[in-house]
Amino acid sequence: MKNLFVLAAIVMSIAASAQWNNTTTYSTDAFGNTVAKDSYGNTTATYSTDAFGNTVKKDAYGNTQSTYSQDAFGNTVQKDAYGNTQSTYSKDAFGNTVQKDKYGNVVGTYKKDAFGNTVFIKK
């Protein structure tokens, strides 16, 4: 019975770890930029605003990855460095932000965790 309990605890720990590894946490740095961190606490991206009011995503090394702007319907559109649409973002019925790929397929949803941080849940 004791071994069964230990095995169950290990399986639950692995399942929780697998779910945690799919999570990105967002916070604000000292400059007011939004910083994305992986489940290990490593910075994966920084989001700032350019002179035109668009949001610019830079990787951990400061290289521009993409730009976010609004389309005619009020959705946020993510474009790569060449101006190609990568994703669109819109709200669902619960007020969560839903990310769709360039073909309209749902990639995942942004939600708030218990601490008020925004987390991305992959589909």
N, C-alpha and C. Protein backbone atom coordinates (compact mmCIF):
# COMPACT_ATOMS: atom_id res chain seq x y z
N MET A 1 0.83 -1.20 0.00
CA MET A 1 0.00 0.00 0.00
C MET A 1 0.87 1.25 0.00
N LYS A 2 1.95 1.23 0.79
CA LYS A 2 2.84 2.38 0.86
C LYS A 2 3.48 2.64 -0.50
N ASN A 3 3.90 1.58 -1.20
CA ASN A 3 4.50 1.73 -2.53
C ASN A 3 3.51 2.29 -3.53
N LEU A 4 2.26 1.90 -3.40
CA LEU A 4 1.22 2.40 -4.29
C LEU A 4 1.04 3.91 -4.09
N PHE A 5 1.07 4.36 -2.82
CA PHE A 5 0.95 5.78 -2.53
C PHE A 5 2.13 6.56 -3.11
N VAL A 6 3.33 6.04 -2.97
CA VAL A 6 4.53 6.69 -3.51
C VAL A 6 4.44 6.76 -5.03
N LEU A 7 4.03 5.68 -5.67
CA LEU A 7 3.88 5.66 -7.12
C LEU A 7 2.85 6.69 -7.58
N ALA A 8 1.73 6.77 -6.87
CA ALA A 8 0.70 7.75 -7.22
C ALA A 8 1.24 9.18 -7.07
N ALA A 9 2.02 9.43 -6.03
CA ALA A 9 2.60 10.76 -5.82
C ALA A 9 3.57 11.11 -6.93
N ILE A 10 4.36 10.13 -7.38
CA ILE A 10 5.31 10.36 -8.48
C ILE A 10 4.56 10.67 -9.77
N VAL A 11 3.53 9.90 -10.06
CA VAL A 11 2.74 10.13 -11.29
C VAL A 11 2.10 11.50 -11.25
N MET A 12 1.54 11.90 -10.10
CA MET A 12 0.91 13.21 -9.98
C MET A 12 1.96 14.31 -10.14
N SER A 13 3.15 14.10 -9.60
CA SER A 13 4.22 15.08 -9.73
C SER A 13 4.65 15.24 -11.18
N ILE A 14 4.77 14.13 -11.89
CA ILE A 14 5.15 14.17 -13.31
C ILE A 14 4.06 14.88 -14.12
N ALA A 15 2.80 14.59 -13.84
CA ALA A 15 1.70 15.23 -14.56
C ALA A 15 1.69 16.73 -14.29
N ALA A 16 1.89 17.12 -13.04
CA ALA A 16 1.93 18.55 -12.71
C ALA A 16 3.12 19.21 -13.38
N SER A 17 4.24 18.53 -13.41
CA SER A 17 5.44 19.08 -14.04
C SER A 17 5.22 19.24 -15.54
N ALA A 18 4.58 18.27 -16.17
CA ALA A 18 4.32 18.35 -17.61
C ALA A 18 3.40 19.53 -17.91
N GLN A 19 2.39 19.76 -17.05
CA GLN A 19 1.50 20.90 -17.27
C GLN A 19 2.26 22.20 -17.06
N TRP A 20 3.10 22.26 -16.04
CA TRP A 20 3.86 23.48 -15.74
C TRP A 20 4.81 23.81 -16.87
N ASN A 21 5.40 22.82 -17.52
CA ASN A 21 6.35 23.07 -18.59
C ASN A 21 5.71 23.71 -19.81
N ASN A 22 4.39 23.67 -19.93
CA ASN A 22 3.69 24.31 -21.04
C ASN A 22 3.24 25.72 -20.69
N THR A 23 3.72 26.26 -19.58
CA THR A 23 3.23 27.54 -19.09
C THR A 23 4.27 28.64 -19.28
N THR A 24 3.82 29.78 -19.78
CA THR A 24 4.64 30.98 -19.86
C THR A 24 4.02 32.00 -18.93
N THR A 25 4.83 32.62 -18.08
CA THR A 25 4.36 33.62 -17.13
C THR A 25 4.82 35.00 -17.56
N TYR A 26 3.95 35.99 -17.43
CA TYR A 26 4.25 37.35 -17.84
C TYR A 26 4.27 38.27 -16.63
N SER A 27 5.23 39.19 -16.61
CA SER A 27 5.33 40.19 -15.55
C SER A 27 5.87 41.48 -16.16
N THR A 28 6.01 42.52 -15.34
CA THR A 28 6.51 43.81 -15.82
C THR A 28 7.88 44.08 -15.23
N ASP A 29 8.81 44.55 -16.06
CA ASP A 29 10.16 44.87 -15.58
C ASP A 29 10.21 46.32 -15.08
N ALA A 30 11.38 46.75 -14.64
CA ALA A 30 11.57 48.09 -14.07
C ALA A 30 11.32 49.20 -15.09
N PHE A 31 11.36 48.89 -16.39
CA PHE A 31 11.16 49.88 -17.44
C PHE A 31 9.72 49.91 -17.96
N GLY A 32 8.85 49.08 -17.38
CA GLY A 32 7.46 49.04 -17.80
C GLY A 32 7.20 48.08 -18.95
N ASN A 33 8.22 47.35 -19.39
CA ASN A 33 8.05 46.37 -20.46
C ASN A 33 7.47 45.08 -19.89
N THR A 34 6.73 44.37 -20.71
CA THR A 34 6.22 43.06 -20.31
C THR A 34 7.30 42.03 -20.62
N VAL A 35 7.56 41.16 -19.64
CA VAL A 35 8.60 40.14 -19.78
C VAL A 35 7.96 38.76 -19.69
N ALA A 36 8.25 37.91 -20.68
CA ALA A 36 7.76 36.53 -20.69
C ALA A 36 8.85 35.62 -20.15
N LYS A 37 8.46 34.72 -19.24
CA LYS A 37 9.41 33.77 -18.68
C LYS A 37 8.83 32.36 -18.79
N ASP A 38 9.72 31.41 -19.05
CA ASP A 38 9.29 30.02 -19.13
C ASP A 38 9.13 29.46 -17.72
N SER A 39 8.75 28.20 -17.63
CA SER A 39 8.47 27.58 -16.33
C SER A 39 9.71 27.47 -15.46
N TYR A 40 10.90 27.68 -16.02
CA TYR A 40 12.14 27.64 -15.26
C TYR A 40 12.60 29.04 -14.83
N GLY A 41 11.84 30.08 -15.20
CA GLY A 41 12.19 31.45 -14.83
C GLY A 41 13.11 32.15 -15.81
N ASN A 42 13.38 31.53 -16.95
CA ASN A 42 14.24 32.14 -17.97
C ASN A 42 13.43 33.11 -18.83
N THR A 43 13.98 34.30 -19.07
CA THR A 43 13.31 35.27 -19.94
C THR A 43 13.34 34.75 -21.37
N THR A 44 12.17 34.68 -21.98
CA THR A 44 12.07 34.21 -23.37
C THR A 44 11.76 35.34 -24.33
N ALA A 45 11.16 36.43 -23.82
CA ALA A 45 10.82 37.57 -24.68
C ALA A 45 10.54 38.80 -23.83
N THR A 46 10.71 39.96 -24.47
CA THR A 46 10.35 41.24 -23.86
C THR A 46 9.49 42.01 -24.85
N TYR A 47 8.42 42.61 -24.36
CA TYR A 47 7.49 43.36 -25.19
C TYR A 47 7.56 44.84 -24.82
N SER A 48 7.77 45.70 -25.81
CA SER A 48 7.82 47.15 -25.60
C SER A 48 6.99 47.83 -26.68
N THR A 49 6.87 49.16 -26.62
CA THR A 49 6.07 49.91 -27.58
C THR A 49 6.98 50.74 -28.47
N ASP A 50 6.73 50.70 -29.79
CA ASP A 50 7.52 51.52 -30.72
C ASP A 50 6.92 52.91 -30.88
N ALA A 51 7.53 53.73 -31.71
CA ALA A 51 7.10 55.12 -31.91
C ALA A 51 5.70 55.23 -32.52
N PHE A 52 5.20 54.16 -33.15
CA PHE A 52 3.88 54.16 -33.79
C PHE A 52 2.79 53.59 -32.88
N GLY A 53 3.17 53.19 -31.67
CA GLY A 53 2.21 52.62 -30.73
C GLY A 53 2.03 51.13 -30.87
N ASN A 54 2.78 50.50 -31.76
CA ASN A 54 2.71 49.05 -31.92
C ASN A 54 3.56 48.38 -30.84
N THR A 55 3.18 47.18 -30.47
CA THR A 55 3.96 46.41 -29.52
C THR A 55 5.01 45.62 -30.29
N VAL A 56 6.24 45.67 -29.81
CA VAL A 56 7.35 44.98 -30.45
C VAL A 56 7.87 43.89 -29.52
N LYS A 57 7.95 42.67 -30.05
CA LYS A 57 8.46 41.53 -29.28
C LYS A 57 9.93 41.31 -29.63
N LYS A 58 10.77 41.26 -28.58
CA LYS A 58 12.18 40.97 -28.78
C LYS A 58 12.54 39.71 -28.01
N ASP A 59 13.47 38.93 -28.56
CA ASP A 59 13.89 37.72 -27.88
C ASP A 59 14.81 38.07 -26.71
N ALA A 60 15.31 37.06 -26.03
CA ALA A 60 16.16 37.25 -24.86
C ALA A 60 17.45 38.01 -25.19
N TYR A 61 17.82 38.05 -26.47
CA TYR A 61 19.05 38.72 -26.90
C TYR A 61 18.80 40.12 -27.46
N GLY A 62 17.54 40.57 -27.48
CA GLY A 62 17.21 41.91 -27.97
C GLY A 62 16.89 41.98 -29.45
N ASN A 63 16.80 40.85 -30.13
CA ASN A 63 16.47 40.84 -31.56
C ASN A 63 14.95 40.91 -31.74
N THR A 64 14.48 41.78 -32.64
CA THR A 64 13.05 41.90 -32.90
C THR A 64 12.53 40.62 -33.55
N GLN A 65 11.49 40.08 -32.96
CA GLN A 65 10.87 38.85 -33.46
C GLN A 65 9.59 39.13 -34.22
N SER A 66 8.78 40.05 -33.70
CA SER A 66 7.50 40.36 -34.35
C SER A 66 6.95 41.68 -33.83
N THR A 67 5.93 42.16 -34.55
CA THR A 67 5.24 43.41 -34.21
C THR A 67 3.75 43.13 -34.12
N TYR A 68 3.10 43.76 -33.15
CA TYR A 68 1.66 43.58 -32.92
C TYR A 68 0.95 44.89 -33.19
N SER A 69 -0.13 44.84 -33.98
CA SER A 69 -0.94 46.02 -34.28
C SER A 69 -2.40 45.60 -34.29
N GLN A 70 -3.31 46.57 -34.47
CA GLN A 70 -4.75 46.29 -34.50
C GLN A 70 -5.25 46.24 -35.94
N ASP A 71 -6.16 45.27 -36.22
CA ASP A 71 -6.79 45.24 -37.54
C ASP A 71 -8.09 46.04 -37.50
N ALA A 72 -8.81 46.07 -38.60
CA ALA A 72 -10.04 46.85 -38.72
C ALA A 72 -11.14 46.36 -37.77
N PHE A 73 -11.04 45.11 -37.29
CA PHE A 73 -12.05 44.53 -36.40
C PHE A 73 -11.68 44.65 -34.93
N GLY A 74 -10.53 45.26 -34.65
CA GLY A 74 -10.08 45.42 -33.26
C GLY A 74 -9.28 44.26 -32.73
N ASN A 75 -9.02 43.25 -33.57
CA ASN A 75 -8.19 42.13 -33.16
C ASN A 75 -6.72 42.53 -33.24
N THR A 76 -5.92 41.93 -32.41
CA THR A 76 -4.49 42.17 -32.47
C THR A 76 -3.89 41.22 -33.50
N VAL A 77 -3.05 41.76 -34.38
CA VAL A 77 -2.42 40.96 -35.43
C VAL A 77 -0.91 40.95 -35.18
N GLN A 78 -0.34 39.75 -35.15
CA GLN A 78 1.10 39.57 -34.96
C GLN A 78 1.74 39.33 -36.32
N LYS A 79 2.73 40.16 -36.65
CA LYS A 79 3.43 40.01 -37.93
C LYS A 79 4.92 39.78 -37.67
N ASP A 80 5.53 39.01 -38.55
CA ASP A 80 6.96 38.76 -38.42
C ASP A 80 7.76 39.95 -38.95
N ALA A 81 9.07 39.83 -38.96
CA ALA A 81 9.95 40.92 -39.39
C ALA A 81 9.72 41.30 -40.85
N TYR A 82 9.09 40.43 -41.64
CA TYR A 82 8.85 40.68 -43.06
C TYR A 82 7.43 41.17 -43.34
N GLY A 83 6.61 41.34 -42.30
CA GLY A 83 5.25 41.81 -42.46
C GLY A 83 4.22 40.73 -42.71
N ASN A 84 4.62 39.47 -42.59
CA ASN A 84 3.69 38.36 -42.78
C ASN A 84 2.92 38.08 -41.49
N THR A 85 1.61 37.90 -41.60
CA THR A 85 0.80 37.60 -40.42
C THR A 85 1.19 36.24 -39.86
N GLN A 86 1.45 36.22 -38.54
CA GLN A 86 1.77 34.98 -37.84
C GLN A 86 0.57 34.48 -37.03
N SER A 87 -0.08 35.41 -36.32
CA SER A 87 -1.20 35.06 -35.43
C SER A 87 -2.16 36.23 -35.32
N THR A 88 -3.38 35.91 -34.88
CA THR A 88 -4.34 36.93 -34.49
C THR A 88 -4.82 36.61 -33.07
N TYR A 89 -5.21 37.66 -32.35
CA TYR A 89 -5.65 37.51 -30.97
C TYR A 89 -7.01 38.18 -30.82
N SER A 90 -7.97 37.47 -30.22
CA SER A 90 -9.30 38.01 -29.99
C SER A 90 -9.79 37.50 -28.64
N LYS A 91 -10.91 38.03 -28.16
CA LYS A 91 -11.47 37.63 -26.87
C LYS A 91 -12.51 36.54 -27.06
N ASP A 92 -12.55 35.60 -26.10
CA ASP A 92 -13.60 34.58 -26.11
C ASP A 92 -14.76 35.05 -25.23
N ALA A 93 -15.77 34.21 -25.06
CA ALA A 93 -16.96 34.57 -24.30
C ALA A 93 -16.67 34.82 -22.82
N PHE A 94 -15.52 34.32 -22.33
CA PHE A 94 -15.15 34.48 -20.92
C PHE A 94 -14.19 35.64 -20.70
N GLY A 95 -13.85 36.36 -21.76
CA GLY A 95 -12.93 37.48 -21.64
C GLY A 95 -11.47 37.11 -21.73
N ASN A 96 -11.18 35.83 -21.98
CA ASN A 96 -9.81 35.38 -22.16
C ASN A 96 -9.35 35.72 -23.58
N THR A 97 -8.06 35.88 -23.75
CA THR A 97 -7.52 36.15 -25.08
C THR A 97 -7.17 34.84 -25.76
N VAL A 98 -7.70 34.65 -26.95
CA VAL A 98 -7.48 33.42 -27.72
C VAL A 98 -6.52 33.73 -28.87
N GLN A 99 -5.46 32.92 -28.98
CA GLN A 99 -4.51 33.07 -30.07
C GLN A 99 -4.85 32.07 -31.17
N LYS A 100 -4.90 32.59 -32.41
CA LYS A 100 -5.14 31.74 -33.58
C LYS A 100 -3.96 31.89 -34.54
N ASP A 101 -3.65 30.83 -35.26
CA ASP A 101 -2.57 30.90 -36.24
C ASP A 101 -3.06 31.63 -37.49
N LYS A 102 -2.19 31.77 -38.48
CA LYS A 102 -2.55 32.52 -39.68
C LYS A 102 -3.68 31.88 -40.48
N TYR A 103 -4.01 30.62 -40.17
CA TYR A 103 -5.10 29.92 -40.85
C TYR A 103 -6.40 29.95 -40.05
N GLY A 104 -6.37 30.56 -38.84
CA GLY A 104 -7.56 30.65 -38.01
C GLY A 104 -7.73 29.52 -37.01
N ASN A 105 -6.74 28.64 -36.88
CA ASN A 105 -6.80 27.54 -35.92
C ASN A 105 -6.37 28.03 -34.54
N VAL A 106 -7.09 27.63 -33.49
CA VAL A 106 -6.76 28.03 -32.12
C VAL A 106 -5.44 27.39 -31.70
N VAL A 107 -4.53 28.22 -31.23
CA VAL A 107 -3.22 27.76 -30.74
C VAL A 107 -3.28 27.58 -29.23
N GLY A 108 -3.94 28.50 -28.54
CA GLY A 108 -4.03 28.45 -27.08
C GLY A 108 -4.78 29.65 -26.55
N THR A 109 -4.87 29.71 -25.21
CA THR A 109 -5.62 30.77 -24.55
C THR A 109 -4.80 31.38 -23.42
N TYR A 110 -4.88 32.70 -23.30
CA TYR A 110 -4.23 33.41 -22.20
C TYR A 110 -5.25 33.59 -21.09
N LYS A 111 -4.88 33.16 -19.85
CA LYS A 111 -5.76 33.27 -18.69
C LYS A 111 -4.96 33.81 -17.51
N LYS A 112 -5.66 34.20 -16.45
CA LYS A 112 -5.02 34.66 -15.21
C LYS A 112 -4.87 33.48 -14.26
N ASP A 113 -3.69 33.40 -13.59
CA ASP A 113 -3.50 32.38 -12.58
C ASP A 113 -3.95 32.92 -11.22
N ALA A 114 -3.77 32.14 -10.16
CA ALA A 114 -4.21 32.51 -8.83
C ALA A 114 -3.51 33.75 -8.30
N PHE A 115 -2.35 34.10 -8.87
CA PHE A 115 -1.58 35.25 -8.41
C PHE A 115 -1.82 36.50 -9.27
N GLY A 116 -2.71 36.38 -10.28
CA GLY A 116 -3.01 37.50 -11.15
C GLY A 116 -2.08 37.62 -12.34
N ASN A 117 -1.15 36.66 -12.49
CA ASN A 117 -0.27 36.65 -13.64
C ASN A 117 -1.00 36.06 -14.85
N THR A 118 -0.67 36.54 -16.04
CA THR A 118 -1.26 35.99 -17.24
C THR A 118 -0.43 34.79 -17.66
N VAL A 119 -1.10 33.66 -17.90
CA VAL A 119 -0.42 32.44 -18.34
C VAL A 119 -1.02 31.98 -19.65
N PHE A 120 -0.19 31.36 -20.49
CA PHE A 120 -0.64 30.85 -21.78
C PHE A 120 -0.83 29.35 -21.68
N ILE A 121 -2.01 28.89 -22.00
CA ILE A 121 -2.34 27.46 -21.97
C ILE A 121 -2.44 26.99 -23.41
N LYS A 122 -1.49 26.14 -23.83
CA LYS A 122 -1.50 25.62 -25.19
C LYS A 122 -2.67 24.68 -25.38
N LYS A 123 -3.21 24.69 -26.59
CA LYS A 123 -4.32 23.78 -26.89
C LYS A 123 -3.80 22.39 -27.10
